[in-house]
Protein backbone atom coordinates (compact mmCIF):
# COMPACT_ATOMS: atom_id res chain seq x y z
CA MET A 1 -12.99 -50.74 28.72
CA THR A 2 -9.93 -48.54 27.65
CA SER A 3 -10.02 -44.93 26.88
CA SER A 4 -7.94 -43.80 24.42
CA TYR A 5 -7.00 -40.00 23.90
CA TYR A 6 -6.60 -38.32 20.45
CA GLY A 7 -4.86 -35.27 20.24
CA VAL A 8 -5.72 -32.62 17.83
CA GLY A 9 -3.67 -29.83 17.07
CA PHE A 10 -4.75 -27.06 14.87
CA ILE A 11 -2.71 -25.34 12.23
CA SER A 12 -2.81 -21.55 11.51
CA LEU A 13 -4.16 -21.02 8.29
CA ILE A 14 -2.32 -17.93 7.68
CA ASP A 15 1.29 -18.13 9.18
CA SER A 16 3.69 -15.12 8.89
CA TYR A 17 5.22 -16.53 5.88
CA ARG A 18 1.92 -17.17 4.03
CA ALA A 19 0.76 -13.55 5.16
CA VAL A 20 3.97 -12.02 3.52
CA GLU A 21 3.29 -14.07 0.41
CA ARG A 22 -0.42 -13.05 0.43
CA SER A 23 0.82 -9.13 0.99
CA ILE A 24 3.45 -9.53 -2.03
CA LYS A 25 0.58 -10.85 -4.54
CA TYR A 26 -1.24 -7.45 -3.51
CA GLY A 27 2.01 -5.63 -3.99
CA ILE A 28 1.43 -4.80 -7.44
CA LEU A 29 -2.10 -3.46 -6.84
CA PHE A 30 -0.77 -1.28 -3.97
CA ILE A 31 2.26 -0.01 -5.53
CA ALA A 32 -0.05 0.94 -8.78
CA LEU A 33 -2.13 2.64 -6.35
CA ILE A 34 0.45 4.79 -4.90
CA PHE A 35 2.13 5.56 -8.56
CA ILE A 36 -1.36 6.46 -9.64
CA THR A 37 -1.73 8.89 -6.63
CA PHE A 38 1.81 10.39 -7.48
CA PHE A 39 0.67 10.54 -10.94
CA LEU A 40 -2.69 12.39 -10.37
CA PHE A 41 -0.69 14.88 -7.84
CA GLU A 42 1.61 15.68 -10.86
CA ILE A 43 -1.13 16.27 -13.14
CA LEU A 44 -3.17 18.28 -10.84
CA THR A 45 -0.44 20.49 -9.01
CA ARG A 46 1.37 20.79 -12.40
CA LEU A 47 4.45 19.96 -10.38
CA ARG A 48 6.87 17.82 -12.30
CA LEU A 49 8.61 14.66 -10.55
CA HIS A 50 11.67 13.32 -11.77
CA LEU A 51 12.11 9.56 -12.71
CA ILE A 52 14.70 9.45 -10.12
CA GLN A 53 12.21 10.47 -7.61
CA TYR A 54 9.61 7.91 -8.72
CA SER A 55 12.68 5.55 -8.20
CA LEU A 56 13.31 6.37 -4.75
CA VAL A 57 9.95 6.00 -3.75
CA SER A 58 9.73 2.68 -5.68
CA ALA A 59 12.62 1.64 -3.50
CA ALA A 60 10.89 2.73 -0.24
CA LEU A 61 7.77 0.67 -1.47
CA VAL A 62 9.66 -2.38 -1.98
CA LEU A 63 11.57 -2.33 1.17
CA PHE A 64 8.26 -2.25 2.78
CA TYR A 65 8.07 -5.88 1.52
CA LEU A 66 11.74 -6.87 2.80
CA THR A 67 11.15 -5.41 6.21
CA LEU A 68 8.11 -7.09 6.55
CA LEU A 69 9.29 -10.51 5.75
CA SER A 70 12.69 -10.08 8.00
CA LEU A 71 10.61 -8.89 10.97
CA SER A 72 7.97 -11.34 10.86
CA GLU A 73 10.46 -13.99 11.17
CA PHE A 74 10.98 -12.54 14.70
CA ILE A 75 7.71 -11.24 15.59
CA SER A 76 3.94 -11.35 14.81
CA PHE A 77 2.75 -10.56 11.54
CA GLY A 78 0.68 -7.70 12.74
CA CYS A 79 3.54 -6.21 14.86
CA SER A 80 5.85 -6.64 11.55
CA TYR A 81 3.31 -5.14 9.55
CA LEU A 82 2.63 -2.02 11.61
CA ILE A 83 6.36 -1.34 11.94
CA ALA A 84 7.28 -1.88 8.15
CA ALA A 85 4.27 0.18 6.74
CA GLY A 86 5.58 2.87 9.38
CA ILE A 87 8.80 2.93 8.23
CA SER A 88 8.01 3.35 4.50
CA THR A 89 5.38 5.63 5.15
CA LEU A 90 7.73 8.02 7.12
CA LEU A 91 10.48 7.61 4.35
CA ILE A 92 8.08 8.62 1.88
CA SER A 93 6.42 11.39 3.45
CA ALA A 94 9.75 12.84 4.73
CA TYR A 95 11.29 12.57 0.97
CA CYS A 96 8.21 14.11 -0.38
CA ALA A 97 8.02 17.08 2.38
CA ARG A 98 11.38 17.97 1.01
CA ILE A 99 11.02 17.60 -2.76
CA LEU A 100 7.49 19.11 -2.80
CA ALA A 101 8.59 21.87 -0.33
CA SER A 102 5.30 21.49 1.40
CA LEU A 103 4.44 20.26 4.77
CA ARG A 104 1.00 20.17 4.20
CA ILE A 105 1.00 18.07 1.12
CA ALA A 106 3.35 15.63 2.70
CA LEU A 107 1.05 15.30 5.62
CA GLY A 108 -1.85 14.39 3.30
CA LEU A 109 0.67 11.91 1.55
CA MET A 110 1.10 10.28 4.93
CA THR A 111 -2.50 10.22 5.86
CA GLY A 112 -3.32 8.61 2.20
CA LEU A 113 -0.28 6.14 2.49
CA SER A 114 -1.65 5.18 6.09
CA ALA A 115 -5.03 4.43 4.68
CA VAL A 116 -3.69 2.47 1.85
CA TYR A 117 -1.61 0.37 4.08
CA ALA A 118 -4.65 0.09 6.46
CA ALA A 119 -6.64 -1.17 3.62
CA LEU A 120 -4.04 -3.61 2.48
CA TYR A 121 -3.70 -5.03 6.10
CA VAL A 122 -7.48 -5.62 6.03
CA ILE A 123 -7.57 -7.47 3.13
CA LEU A 124 -4.96 -9.57 4.15
CA GLN A 125 -6.60 -10.45 7.26
CA LEU A 126 -9.81 -11.50 5.24
CA GLU A 127 -9.71 -15.03 4.09
CA ASP A 128 -12.94 -15.94 2.12
CA TYR A 129 -13.60 -12.32 1.20
CA SER A 130 -10.30 -10.80 0.37
CA LEU A 131 -10.97 -11.01 -3.57
CA LEU A 132 -14.03 -9.32 -3.10
CA VAL A 133 -13.08 -6.41 -0.78
CA GLY A 134 -9.78 -6.32 -3.06
CA THR A 135 -12.02 -5.92 -6.20
CA ALA A 136 -13.97 -3.23 -4.54
CA VAL A 137 -10.81 -1.10 -3.51
CA LEU A 138 -10.12 -1.41 -7.21
CA VAL A 139 -13.30 -0.26 -8.32
CA LEU A 140 -13.68 2.65 -5.71
CA ALA A 141 -9.81 3.48 -6.83
CA LEU A 142 -10.68 3.77 -10.45
CA ALA A 143 -13.96 5.67 -9.79
CA ALA A 144 -11.96 8.22 -7.87
CA VAL A 145 -9.26 8.51 -10.46
CA MET A 146 -12.01 9.06 -12.97
CA TYR A 147 -13.85 11.65 -10.77
CA VAL A 148 -10.57 13.81 -10.30
CA THR A 149 -9.46 13.42 -13.68
CA ARG A 150 -12.86 14.32 -15.25
CA ASN A 151 -11.91 17.81 -16.27
CA VAL A 152 -8.42 17.31 -17.22
CA ASN A 153 -7.15 18.53 -20.47
CA TRP A 154 -4.88 15.34 -21.53
CA TYR A 155 -3.55 17.13 -24.55
CA GLY A 156 -2.95 20.35 -23.07
CA ASP A 157 -4.86 22.18 -25.92
CA PRO A 158 -5.07 25.61 -24.32
CA SER A 159 -8.25 26.50 -26.29
CA GLU A 160 -10.42 24.01 -24.47
């Protein structure tokens, strides 16, 4: 009797390029959540942010994906994600500390950004439940926006 050996190699279902691709697919959701946060902040605090300031924050958010992709070619996706998220969060938080003239608000913003990046990372790690969890995050975000803006007078009518 001859024995034969069969080798089985397992491929990673989510390699770094696929993980980056998945993160980009969630990018619109992620960027929308950040801009909704900035918009709500502007409405609730009555501080006006300029289009250029929104554009610079956009650039930092887009650079997250470029940093993630370039780093993930050399180091693991998890480390790449942590570094890219840290850089993006620090850029945006430091910039907002200056333009909003408040370290307290910037620290709150940094905490919020860190939470959004953490939620995105968890969604990316889930394979079977990522759509369900992503939808739950959207529902919770919409509920939060509706709750926070429930008393906002959108027409600016001072009689109300």
